Amino acid sequence: MANSTDNFDHRANHLLRLLQLCGGCVPLHSLQCKVSNSVIQTLLDRKLVQVQNTGRGFLLEIAKDF
């Protein structure tokens, strides 16, 4: 049986794949009901994603270095 760390990493990897399939960025508000804030924060801490302020909202995008 998978432990919570494996499940958490699975959700983080799923979010990265989703971003790749959506062209590298997604409006942050569209994810908040589907993905926990802790998963997004972990990817931000690992510098795999970044948040961009567009003036009309925020985009979660794959980091340029990734």
PDB file of N, CA and C in Angstrom:
ATOM      1  N   MET A   1       0.827  -1.177   0.000  1.00  0.00           N
ATOM      2  CA  MET A   1       0.000   0.000   0.000  1.00  0.00           C
ATOM      3  C   MET A   1       0.880   1.251   0.000  1.00  0.00           C
ATOM      4  N   ALA A   2       0.541   2.235  -0.797  1.00  0.00           N
ATOM      5  CA  ALA A   2       1.330   3.461  -0.921  1.00  0.00           C
ATOM      6  C   ALA A   2       1.155   4.323   0.323  1.00  0.00           C
ATOM      7  N   ASN A   3       2.266   4.934   0.739  1.00  0.00           N
ATOM      8  CA  ASN A   3       2.162   5.829   1.896  1.00  0.00           C
ATOM      9  C   ASN A   3       1.794   7.236   1.431  1.00  0.00           C
ATOM     10  N   SER A   4       1.591   8.145   2.358  1.00  0.00           N
ATOM     11  CA  SER A   4       1.114   9.484   2.008  1.00  0.00           C
ATOM     12  C   SER A   4       2.145  10.269   1.207  1.00  0.00           C
ATOM     13  N   THR A   5       3.451  10.015   1.425  1.00  0.00           N
ATOM     14  CA  THR A   5       4.482  10.712   0.660  1.00  0.00           C
ATOM     15  C   THR A   5       4.423  10.308  -0.803  1.00  0.00           C
ATOM     16  N   ASP A   6       4.243   9.010  -1.069  1.00  0.00           N
ATOM     17  CA  ASP A   6       4.120   8.547  -2.446  1.00  0.00           C
ATOM     18  C   ASP A   6       2.886   9.143  -3.111  1.00  0.00           C
ATOM     19  N   ASN A   7       1.787   9.197  -2.384  1.00  0.00           N
ATOM     20  CA  ASN A   7       0.559   9.769  -2.912  1.00  0.00           C
ATOM     21  C   ASN A   7       0.737  11.258  -3.193  1.00  0.00           C
ATOM     22  N   PHE A   8       1.420  11.964  -2.307  1.00  0.00           N
ATOM     23  CA  PHE A   8       1.676  13.386  -2.487  1.00  0.00           C
ATOM     24  C   PHE A   8       2.543  13.615  -3.723  1.00  0.00           C
ATOM     25  N   ASP A   9       3.607  12.819  -3.879  1.00  0.00           N
ATOM     26  CA  ASP A   9       4.473  12.936  -5.052  1.00  0.00           C
ATOM     27  C   ASP A   9       3.714  12.603  -6.330  1.00  0.00           C
ATOM     28  N   HIS A  10       2.809  11.654  -6.249  1.00  0.00           N
ATOM     29  CA  HIS A  10       1.986  11.302  -7.407  1.00  0.00           C
ATOM     30  C   HIS A  10       1.123  12.492  -7.829  1.00  0.00           C
ATOM     31  N   ARG A  11       0.526  13.178  -6.867  1.00  0.00           N
ATOM     32  CA  ARG A  11      -0.304  14.349  -7.183  1.00  0.00           C
ATOM     33  C   ARG A  11       0.540  15.478  -7.755  1.00  0.00           C
ATOM     34  N   ALA A  12       1.752  15.670  -7.237  1.00  0.00           N
ATOM     35  CA  ALA A  12       2.641  16.712  -7.750  1.00  0.00           C
ATOM     36  C   ALA A  12       3.054  16.394  -9.188  1.00  0.00           C
ATOM     37  N   ASN A  13       3.385  15.148  -9.461  1.00  0.00           N
ATOM     38  CA  ASN A  13       3.752  14.745 -10.824  1.00  0.00           C
ATOM     39  C   ASN A  13       2.565  14.881 -11.768  1.00  0.00           C
ATOM     40  N   HIS A  14       1.378  14.573 -11.277  1.00  0.00           N
ATOM     41  CA  HIS A  14       0.170  14.714 -12.091  1.00  0.00           C
ATOM     42  C   HIS A  14      -0.046  16.178 -12.475  1.00  0.00           C
ATOM     43  N   LEU A  15       0.180  17.084 -11.542  1.00  0.00           N
ATOM     44  CA  LEU A  15       0.032  18.503 -11.826  1.00  0.00           C
ATOM     45  C   LEU A  15       1.063  18.962 -12.857  1.00  0.00           C
ATOM     46  N   LEU A  16       2.291  18.495 -12.747  1.00  0.00           N
ATOM     47  CA  LEU A  16       3.313  18.852 -13.743  1.00  0.00           C
ATOM     48  C   LEU A  16       2.925  18.354 -15.129  1.00  0.00           C
ATOM     49  N   ARG A  17       2.400  17.126 -15.212  1.00  0.00           N
ATOM     50  CA  ARG A  17       1.957  16.600 -16.511  1.00  0.00           C
ATOM     51  C   ARG A  17       0.793  17.416 -17.069  1.00  0.00           C
ATOM     52  N   LEU A  18      -0.112  17.818 -16.192  1.00  0.00           N
ATOM     53  CA  LEU A  18      -1.238  18.650 -16.609  1.00  0.00           C
ATOM     54  C   LEU A  18      -0.740  19.975 -17.190  1.00  0.00           C
ATOM     55  N   LEU A  19       0.226  20.582 -16.534  1.00  0.00           N
ATOM     56  CA  LEU A  19       0.791  21.831 -17.039  1.00  0.00           C
ATOM     57  C   LEU A  19       1.441  21.634 -18.403  1.00  0.00           C
ATOM     58  N   GLN A  20       2.149  20.531 -18.577  1.00  0.00           N
ATOM     59  CA  GLN A  20       2.791  20.260 -19.861  1.00  0.00           C
ATOM     60  C   GLN A  20       1.748  20.090 -20.961  1.00  0.00           C
ATOM     61  N   LEU A  21       0.664  19.408 -20.658  1.00  0.00           N
ATOM     62  CA  LEU A  21      -0.380  19.183 -21.652  1.00  0.00           C
ATOM     63  C   LEU A  21      -1.148  20.460 -21.988  1.00  0.00           C
ATOM     64  N   CYS A  22      -1.181  21.406 -21.068  1.00  0.00           N
ATOM     65  CA  CYS A  22      -1.911  22.662 -21.277  1.00  0.00           C
ATOM     66  C   CYS A  22      -1.018  23.757 -21.847  1.00  0.00           C
ATOM     67  N   GLY A  23       0.120  23.404 -22.378  1.00  0.00           N
ATOM     68  CA  GLY A  23       0.996  24.397 -22.990  1.00  0.00           C
ATOM     69  C   GLY A  23       1.952  25.071 -22.031  1.00  0.00           C
ATOM     70  N   GLY A  24       2.070  24.559 -20.834  1.00  0.00           N
ATOM     71  CA  GLY A  24       3.035  25.085 -19.881  1.00  0.00           C
ATOM     72  C   GLY A  24       2.482  26.020 -18.831  1.00  0.00           C
ATOM     73  N   CYS A  25       1.233  26.448 -18.989  1.00  0.00           N
ATOM     74  CA  CYS A  25       0.663  27.329 -17.964  1.00  0.00           C
ATOM     75  C   CYS A  25      -0.849  27.135 -17.874  1.00  0.00           C
ATOM     76  N   VAL A  26      -1.357  27.435 -16.673  1.00  0.00           N
ATOM     77  CA  VAL A  26      -2.776  27.276 -16.369  1.00  0.00           C
ATOM     78  C   VAL A  26      -3.166  28.381 -15.402  1.00  0.00           C
ATOM     79  N   PRO A  27      -4.357  28.961 -15.551  1.00  0.00           N
ATOM     80  CA  PRO A  27      -4.800  29.949 -14.561  1.00  0.00           C
ATOM     81  C   PRO A  27      -4.877  29.311 -13.170  1.00  0.00           C
ATOM     82  N   LEU A  28      -4.303  29.969 -12.208  1.00  0.00           N
ATOM     83  CA  LEU A  28      -4.225  29.414 -10.855  1.00  0.00           C
ATOM     84  C   LEU A  28      -5.610  29.179 -10.261  1.00  0.00           C
ATOM     85  N   HIS A  29      -6.556  30.046 -10.541  1.00  0.00           N
ATOM     86  CA  HIS A  29      -7.896  29.889  -9.968  1.00  0.00           C
ATOM     87  C   HIS A  29      -8.593  28.626 -10.464  1.00  0.00           C
ATOM     88  N   SER A  30      -8.217  28.128 -11.621  1.00  0.00           N
ATOM     89  CA  SER A  30      -8.863  26.917 -12.141  1.00  0.00           C
ATOM     90  C   SER A  30      -8.364  25.651 -11.443  1.00  0.00           C
ATOM     91  N   LEU A  31      -7.253  25.747 -10.731  1.00  0.00           N
ATOM     92  CA  LEU A  31      -6.679  24.573 -10.056  1.00  0.00           C
ATOM     93  C   LEU A  31      -7.083  24.470  -8.598  1.00  0.00           C
ATOM     94  N   GLN A  32      -7.516  25.548  -7.994  1.00  0.00           N
ATOM     95  CA  GLN A  32      -7.673  25.573  -6.546  1.00  0.00           C
ATOM     96  C   GLN A  32      -8.707  24.594  -6.025  1.00  0.00           C
ATOM     97  N   CYS A  33      -9.676  24.210  -6.832  1.00  0.00           N
ATOM     98  CA  CYS A  33     -10.645  23.226  -6.348  1.00  0.00           C
ATOM     99  C   CYS A  33     -10.207  21.802  -6.671  1.00  0.00           C
ATOM    100  N   LYS A  34      -9.190  21.633  -7.508  1.00  0.00           N
ATOM    101  CA  LYS A  34      -8.758  20.303  -7.928  1.00  0.00           C
ATOM    102  C   LYS A  34      -7.445  19.857  -7.292  1.00  0.00           C
ATOM    103  N   VAL A  35      -6.600  20.824  -6.932  1.00  0.00           N
ATOM    104  CA  VAL A  35      -5.268  20.519  -6.412  1.00  0.00           C
ATOM    105  C   VAL A  35      -5.088  21.249  -5.096  1.00  0.00           C
ATOM    106  N   SER A  36      -4.535  20.552  -4.117  1.00  0.00           N
ATOM    107  CA  SER A  36      -4.347  21.195  -2.811  1.00  0.00           C
ATOM    108  C   SER A  36      -3.244  22.245  -2.883  1.00  0.00           C
ATOM    109  N   ASN A  37      -3.375  23.243  -2.047  1.00  0.00           N
ATOM    110  CA  ASN A  37      -2.377  24.312  -1.992  1.00  0.00           C
ATOM    111  C   ASN A  37      -1.008  23.781  -1.600  1.00  0.00           C
ATOM    112  N   SER A  38      -0.969  22.734  -0.794  1.00  0.00           N
ATOM    113  CA  SER A  38       0.327  22.191  -0.367  1.00  0.00           C
ATOM    114  C   SER A  38       1.078  21.559  -1.536  1.00  0.00           C
ATOM    115  N   VAL A  39       0.362  20.975  -2.485  1.00  0.00           N
ATOM    116  CA  VAL A  39       1.026  20.406  -3.672  1.00  0.00           C
ATOM    117  C   VAL A  39       1.610  21.540  -4.507  1.00  0.00           C
ATOM    118  N   ILE A  40       0.837  22.594  -4.717  1.00  0.00           N
ATOM    119  CA  ILE A  40       1.326  23.743  -5.481  1.00  0.00           C
ATOM    120  C   ILE A  40       2.518  24.380  -4.771  1.00  0.00           C
ATOM    121  N   GLN A  41       2.421  24.538  -3.451  1.00  0.00           N
ATOM    122  CA  GLN A  41       3.514  25.149  -2.692  1.00  0.00           C
ATOM    123  C   GLN A  41       4.777  24.312  -2.765  1.00  0.00           C
ATOM    124  N   THR A  42       4.651  22.998  -2.715  1.00  0.00           N
ATOM    125  CA  THR A  42       5.821  22.127  -2.810  1.00  0.00           C
ATOM    126  C   THR A  42       6.516  22.284  -4.149  1.00  0.00           C
ATOM    127  N   LEU A  43       5.749  22.345  -5.234  1.00  0.00           N
ATOM    128  CA  LEU A  43       6.345  22.543  -6.552  1.00  0.00           C
ATOM    129  C   LEU A  43       7.003  23.915  -6.659  1.00  0.00           C
ATOM    130  N   LEU A  44       6.413  24.918  -6.017  1.00  0.00           N
ATOM    131  CA  LEU A  44       7.039  26.244  -5.980  1.00  0.00           C
ATOM    132  C   LEU A  44       8.354  26.200  -5.198  1.00  0.00           C
ATOM    133  N   ASP A  45       8.358  25.514  -4.060  1.00  0.00           N
ATOM    134  CA  ASP A  45       9.566  25.401  -3.237  1.00  0.00           C
ATOM    135  C   ASP A  45      10.673  24.665  -3.973  1.00  0.00           C
ATOM    136  N   ARG A  46      10.306  23.678  -4.771  1.00  0.00           N
ATOM    137  CA  ARG A  46      11.289  22.918  -5.558  1.00  0.00           C
ATOM    138  C   ARG A  46      11.704  23.653  -6.825  1.00  0.00           C
ATOM    139  N   LYS A  47      11.115  24.814  -7.047  1.00  0.00           N
ATOM    140  CA  LYS A  47      11.383  25.673  -8.205  1.00  0.00           C
ATOM    141  C   LYS A  47      11.105  24.970  -9.525  1.00  0.00           C
ATOM    142  N   LEU A  48      10.070  24.124  -9.525  1.00  0.00           N
ATOM    143  CA  LEU A  48       9.641  23.458 -10.747  1.00  0.00           C
ATOM    144  C   LEU A  48       8.567  24.255 -11.468  1.00  0.00           C
ATOM    145  N   VAL A  49       7.846  25.082 -10.721  1.00  0.00           N
ATOM    146  CA  VAL A  49       6.815  25.950 -11.287  1.00  0.00           C
ATOM    147  C   VAL A  49       7.010  27.355 -10.734  1.00  0.00           C
ATOM    148  N   GLN A  50       6.352  28.305 -11.377  1.00  0.00           N
ATOM    149  CA  GLN A  50       6.369  29.681 -10.896  1.00  0.00           C
ATOM    150  C   GLN A  50       5.004  30.295 -11.130  1.00  0.00           C
ATOM    151  N   VAL A  51       4.722  31.361 -10.403  1.00  0.00           N
ATOM    152  CA  VAL A  51       3.454  32.060 -10.524  1.00  0.00           C
ATOM    153  C   VAL A  51       3.725  33.406 -11.178  1.00  0.00           C
ATOM    154  N   GLN A  52       2.918  33.720 -12.184  1.00  0.00           N
ATOM    155  CA  GLN A  52       3.059  34.984 -12.886  1.00  0.00           C
ATOM    156  C   GLN A  52       1.773  35.786 -12.717  1.00  0.00           C
ATOM    157  N   ASN A  53       1.918  37.062 -12.352  1.00  0.00           N
ATOM    158  CA  ASN A  53       0.776  37.969 -12.230  1.00  0.00           C
ATOM    159  C   ASN A  53       0.553  38.608 -13.594  1.00  0.00           C
ATOM    160  N   THR A  54      -0.604  38.355 -14.192  1.00  0.00           N
ATOM    161  CA  THR A  54      -0.903  38.888 -15.516  1.00  0.00           C
ATOM    162  C   THR A  54      -1.623  40.228 -15.459  1.00  0.00           C
ATOM    163  N   GLY A  55      -1.992  40.672 -14.270  1.00  0.00           N
ATOM    164  CA  GLY A  55      -2.776  41.878 -14.124  1.00  0.00           C
ATOM    165  C   GLY A  55      -4.268  41.577 -14.094  1.00  0.00           C
ATOM    166  N   ARG A  56      -4.651  40.426 -14.577  1.00  0.00           N
ATOM    167  CA  ARG A  56      -6.046  39.980 -14.551  1.00  0.00           C
ATOM    168  C   ARG A  56      -6.204  38.687 -13.763  1.00  0.00           C
ATOM    169  N   GLY A  57      -5.134  38.207 -13.226  1.00  0.00           N
ATOM    170  CA  GLY A  57      -5.151  36.957 -12.482  1.00  0.00           C
ATOM    171  C   GLY A  57      -3.742  36.392 -12.411  1.00  0.00           C
ATOM    172  N   PHE A  58      -3.634  35.196 -11.921  1.00  0.00           N
ATOM    173  CA  PHE A  58      -2.333  34.567 -11.760  1.00  0.00           C
ATOM    174  C   PHE A  58      -2.273  33.294 -12.595  1.00  0.00           C
ATOM    175  N   LEU A  59      -1.112  33.072 -13.211  1.00  0.00           N
ATOM    176  CA  LEU A  59      -0.875  31.859 -13.979  1.00  0.00           C
ATOM    177  C   LEU A  59       0.151  31.009 -13.251  1.00  0.00           C
ATOM    178  N   LEU A  60      -0.113  29.726 -13.195  1.00  0.00           N
ATOM    179  CA  LEU A  60       0.877  28.770 -12.705  1.00  0.00           C
ATOM    180  C   LEU A  60       1.530  28.204 -13.942  1.00  0.00           C
ATOM    181  N   GLU A  61       2.853  28.348 -14.031  1.00  0.00           N
ATOM    182  CA  GLU A  61       3.556  27.900 -15.228  1.00  0.00           C
ATOM    183  C   GLU A  61       4.801  27.121 -14.861  1.00  0.00           C
ATOM    184  N   ILE A  62       5.209  26.277 -15.775  1.00  0.00           N
ATOM    185  CA  ILE A  62       6.429  25.501 -15.591  1.00  0.00           C
ATOM    186  C   ILE A  62       7.596  26.469 -15.588  1.00  0.00           C
ATOM    187  N   ALA A  63       8.523  26.280 -14.671  1.00  0.00           N
ATOM    188  CA  ALA A  63       9.685  27.149 -14.553  1.00  0.00           C
ATOM    189  C   ALA A  63      10.554  27.028 -15.807  1.00  0.00           C
ATOM    190  N   LYS A  64      11.155  28.124 -16.175  1.00  0.00           N
ATOM    191  CA  LYS A  64      11.983  28.157 -17.388  1.00  0.00           C
ATOM    192  C   LYS A  64      13.154  27.179 -17.309  1.00  0.00           C
ATOM    193  N   ASP A  65      13.699  26.987 -16.104  1.00  0.00           N
ATOM    194  CA  ASP A  65      14.867  26.116 -15.922  1.00  0.00           C
ATOM    195  C   ASP A  65      14.500  24.639 -15.918  1.00  0.00           C
ATOM    196  N   PHE A  66      13.218  24.332 -15.800  1.00  0.00           N
ATOM    197  CA  PHE A  66      12.769  22.932 -15.718  1.00  0.00           C
ATOM    198  C   PHE A  66      12.769  22.318 -17.045  1.00  0.00           C
TER     199      PHE A  66
END
